[in-house]
Amino acid sequence: MSDALGIVAAYLIGAVPTGFLVARAFGVGDIRQHGSGSIGATNVLRAAGWVPALLTLVLDIAKGDGAVWLGARLAGSAPGVAACALAAVVGNCWSVFLRFRGGKGVATGLGVLLALVPWAVVPAIPVWLAIALTTRYVSLGSILAAACVPFGALLLRYPAPFIAASFAVAALIIARHHENIGRLLSGTERRLGEKRAAP
């Protein structure tokens, strides 16, 4: 019962649509009507600027960390905590508060992974920075950084449920970027700071 409560609570924490709420607070309106339609920090940056984007990023990371913290107290067991971590990312991607639409799980996934397998995240950070700064493709940096973490967790011999959760979180993040992957392959993905082409 405590595991189930923890998973539900983690999902609801992850489902809080921080980017949507921050954008509204900064006068943008429905962030889903702007740019890519995502509620994530990158789209908030394009629509509202750096301050709302950073606030969204911090709050999304905190959601992931908070969900794992709560899971550790309600669920207790390693499998239960791992399930709570995944539930938080699922909540971010398919929020009950937005009719099961949401973000791509990157920042919430980062918060989750920092809580579950922190040392495995360390080498993924320079990967993200190197790709995002050199190519200005935030999506590509996120995909490659996410892919690095579970293998780091495996090499560092974290508990098996945490390794499994890190693979699941990474797979979910990559899957949520399927449209970005298509645009990257076709050469039509927007770079950070690049204006949308006029119709």
Protein backbone atom coordinates (compact mmCIF):
# COMPACT_ATOMS: atom_id res chain seq x y z
CA MET A 1 0.00 0.00 0.00
CA SER A 2 2.80 2.42 0.85
CA ASP A 3 4.47 1.68 -2.50
CA ALA A 4 1.20 2.45 -4.32
CA LEU A 5 0.73 5.69 -2.38
CA GLY A 6 4.28 6.71 -3.16
CA ILE A 7 3.87 6.03 -6.88
CA VAL A 8 0.60 7.99 -7.08
CA ALA A 9 2.10 10.88 -5.11
CA ALA A 10 5.21 10.90 -7.32
CA TYR A 11 3.08 10.94 -10.46
CA LEU A 12 1.06 13.91 -9.16
CA ILE A 13 4.22 15.80 -8.23
CA GLY A 14 5.65 15.19 -11.69
CA ALA A 15 2.34 16.16 -13.29
CA VAL A 16 2.39 19.71 -11.90
CA PRO A 17 2.75 21.69 -15.17
CA THR A 18 5.43 24.11 -14.04
CA GLY A 19 6.28 25.51 -17.48
CA PHE A 20 2.59 26.09 -18.19
CA LEU A 21 2.12 27.88 -14.85
CA VAL A 22 5.33 29.93 -15.11
CA ALA A 23 4.48 31.07 -18.64
CA ARG A 24 1.04 32.18 -17.50
CA ALA A 25 2.53 34.02 -14.52
CA PHE A 26 4.83 35.92 -16.91
CA GLY A 27 1.95 36.92 -19.17
CA VAL A 28 2.59 34.54 -22.05
CA GLY A 29 -0.72 32.73 -21.77
CA ASP A 30 -0.92 29.08 -22.81
CA ILE A 31 2.67 28.06 -23.59
CA ARG A 32 1.29 25.20 -25.69
CA GLN A 33 0.18 27.79 -28.24
CA HIS A 34 3.75 29.02 -28.73
CA GLY A 35 6.80 27.59 -30.48
CA SER A 36 7.03 23.82 -30.30
CA GLY A 37 3.95 23.54 -28.08
CA SER A 38 6.00 21.96 -25.29
CA ILE A 39 5.72 23.11 -21.67
CA GLY A 40 9.46 22.60 -21.13
CA ALA A 41 12.12 25.18 -20.32
CA THR A 42 13.41 25.46 -23.90
CA ASN A 43 10.02 26.48 -25.25
CA VAL A 44 9.47 28.80 -22.28
CA LEU A 45 12.80 30.41 -23.16
CA ARG A 46 11.66 31.05 -26.72
CA ALA A 47 8.29 32.43 -25.66
CA ALA A 48 9.05 34.26 -22.41
CA GLY A 49 12.81 34.72 -21.95
CA TRP A 50 15.63 33.53 -19.72
CA VAL A 51 14.17 34.22 -16.27
CA PRO A 52 10.95 32.21 -16.77
CA ALA A 53 12.95 29.47 -18.51
CA LEU A 54 15.43 29.15 -15.64
CA LEU A 55 12.57 29.15 -13.15
CA THR A 56 10.86 26.38 -15.11
CA LEU A 57 14.11 24.41 -15.27
CA VAL A 58 14.73 24.68 -11.52
CA LEU A 59 11.15 23.77 -10.61
CA ASP A 60 11.11 20.79 -12.97
CA ILE A 61 14.37 19.47 -11.53
CA ALA A 62 12.97 19.99 -8.02
CA LYS A 63 9.86 18.00 -8.97
CA GLY A 64 11.95 15.00 -9.90
CA ASP A 65 14.11 15.22 -6.81
CA GLY A 66 11.08 15.74 -4.58
CA ALA A 67 9.26 12.76 -6.03
CA VAL A 68 12.20 10.46 -5.26
CA TRP A 69 12.53 11.95 -1.77
CA LEU A 70 8.84 11.31 -1.11
CA GLY A 71 9.06 7.86 -2.63
CA ALA A 72 11.92 6.97 -0.29
CA ARG A 73 9.71 7.86 2.67
CA LEU A 74 6.45 6.33 1.51
CA ALA A 75 7.69 3.35 -0.48
CA GLY A 76 10.97 2.69 1.31
CA SER A 77 12.15 -0.26 -0.78
CA ALA A 78 14.55 0.26 -3.69
CA PRO A 79 12.03 -1.04 -6.28
CA GLY A 80 9.38 1.27 -4.82
CA VAL A 81 11.67 4.30 -4.97
CA ALA A 82 12.65 3.43 -8.55
CA ALA A 83 8.97 3.15 -9.50
CA CYS A 84 8.30 6.56 -7.93
CA ALA A 85 11.14 8.05 -9.97
CA LEU A 86 9.68 6.74 -13.21
CA ALA A 87 6.16 7.82 -12.18
CA ALA A 88 7.35 11.41 -11.74
CA VAL A 89 8.71 11.53 -15.30
CA VAL A 90 5.54 9.91 -16.64
CA GLY A 91 3.58 12.61 -14.81
CA ASN A 92 5.65 15.32 -16.46
CA CYS A 93 5.13 13.82 -19.91
CA TRP A 94 1.42 12.99 -19.49
CA SER A 95 0.02 15.37 -16.90
CA VAL A 96 -3.46 14.70 -15.57
CA PHE A 97 -3.76 18.47 -15.13
CA LEU A 98 -3.26 19.05 -18.89
CA ARG A 99 -5.48 16.23 -20.16
CA PHE A 100 -2.52 13.87 -20.30
CA ARG A 101 -0.30 16.13 -22.36
CA GLY A 102 2.95 17.57 -21.08
CA GLY A 103 6.67 18.00 -21.53
CA LYS A 104 9.48 15.76 -22.69
CA GLY A 105 10.74 14.75 -19.28
CA VAL A 106 14.26 16.17 -19.55
CA ALA A 107 14.47 18.46 -16.49
CA THR A 108 12.21 16.29 -14.33
CA GLY A 109 14.24 13.29 -15.47
CA LEU A 110 17.41 15.13 -14.47
CA GLY A 111 16.01 15.71 -10.99
CA VAL A 112 15.01 12.08 -10.70
CA LEU A 113 18.39 10.80 -11.88
CA LEU A 114 20.30 13.20 -9.63
CA ALA A 115 18.42 11.70 -6.70
CA LEU A 116 18.72 8.07 -7.83
CA VAL A 117 22.12 7.78 -9.50
CA PRO A 118 23.90 11.12 -8.94
CA TRP A 119 27.42 10.05 -9.91
CA ALA A 120 26.15 8.61 -13.18
CA VAL A 121 24.74 12.03 -14.07
CA VAL A 122 28.08 13.80 -13.63
CA PRO A 123 29.63 12.71 -16.97
CA ALA A 124 26.34 13.36 -18.79
CA ILE A 125 26.41 17.06 -17.90
CA PRO A 126 29.51 17.91 -20.00
CA VAL A 127 28.04 15.82 -22.83
CA TRP A 128 24.92 17.99 -22.80
CA LEU A 129 26.96 21.19 -22.56
CA ALA A 130 29.35 20.20 -25.36
CA ILE A 131 26.56 19.24 -27.76
CA ALA A 132 24.18 22.09 -26.89
CA LEU A 133 26.87 24.77 -27.01
CA THR A 134 28.63 23.60 -30.16
CA THR A 135 25.59 22.66 -32.26
CA ARG A 136 22.93 24.74 -30.45
CA TYR A 137 20.63 21.72 -30.72
CA VAL A 138 19.21 21.42 -27.20
CA SER A 139 17.24 18.35 -28.21
CA LEU A 140 20.34 16.49 -29.43
CA GLY A 141 22.22 17.37 -26.25
CA SER A 142 19.31 16.11 -24.14
CA ILE A 143 19.01 12.85 -26.08
CA LEU A 144 22.72 12.01 -25.89
CA ALA A 145 23.06 13.06 -22.25
CA ALA A 146 20.03 10.96 -21.28
CA ALA A 147 21.50 7.97 -23.11
CA CYS A 148 24.75 8.26 -21.14
CA VAL A 149 23.26 8.06 -17.65
CA PRO A 150 22.01 4.45 -17.48
CA PHE A 151 25.33 3.10 -18.74
CA GLY A 152 27.10 5.16 -16.09
CA ALA A 153 24.73 3.75 -13.48
CA LEU A 154 25.52 0.25 -14.71
CA LEU A 155 29.29 0.80 -14.60
CA LEU A 156 29.06 2.33 -11.12
CA ARG A 157 27.03 -0.65 -9.89
CA TYR A 158 24.06 1.18 -8.47
CA PRO A 159 21.24 -1.04 -7.14
CA ALA A 160 19.54 -2.97 -9.93
CA PRO A 161 16.14 -1.21 -9.53
CA PHE A 162 17.87 2.18 -9.87
CA ILE A 163 19.72 1.04 -12.99
CA ALA A 164 16.46 -0.25 -14.48
CA ALA A 165 14.72 3.04 -13.67
CA SER A 166 17.54 5.05 -15.25
CA PHE A 167 17.25 3.02 -18.46
CA ALA A 168 13.46 3.51 -18.43
CA VAL A 169 13.75 7.26 -17.83
CA ALA A 170 16.34 7.64 -20.59
CA ALA A 171 14.20 5.60 -23.00
CA LEU A 172 11.17 7.73 -22.18
CA ILE A 173 13.06 10.98 -22.75
CA ILE A 174 14.41 9.76 -26.07
CA ALA A 175 10.98 8.51 -27.16
CA ARG A 176 9.42 11.86 -26.31
CA HIS A 177 11.93 13.47 -28.68
CA HIS A 178 10.83 11.40 -31.68
CA GLU A 179 9.66 14.48 -33.59
CA ASN A 180 12.95 16.26 -32.82
CA ILE A 181 14.87 13.21 -34.04
CA GLY A 182 12.93 13.34 -37.31
CA ARG A 183 13.72 17.03 -37.72
CA LEU A 184 17.39 16.47 -36.86
CA LEU A 185 17.62 13.81 -39.55
CA SER A 186 15.91 16.04 -42.09
CA GLY A 187 17.94 19.12 -41.13
CA THR A 188 14.91 21.16 -40.07
CA GLU A 189 15.41 21.17 -36.29
CA ARG A 190 15.59 24.69 -34.84
CA ARG A 191 18.78 25.69 -33.09
CA LEU A 192 18.76 27.53 -29.78
CA GLY A 193 18.28 31.24 -30.49
CA GLU A 194 17.15 30.63 -34.07
CA LYS A 195 14.01 32.43 -35.11
CA ARG A 196 11.17 30.52 -36.73
CA ALA A 197 11.18 31.01 -40.48
CA ALA A 198 8.51 33.34 -41.81
CA PRO A 199 5.64 31.62 -43.65
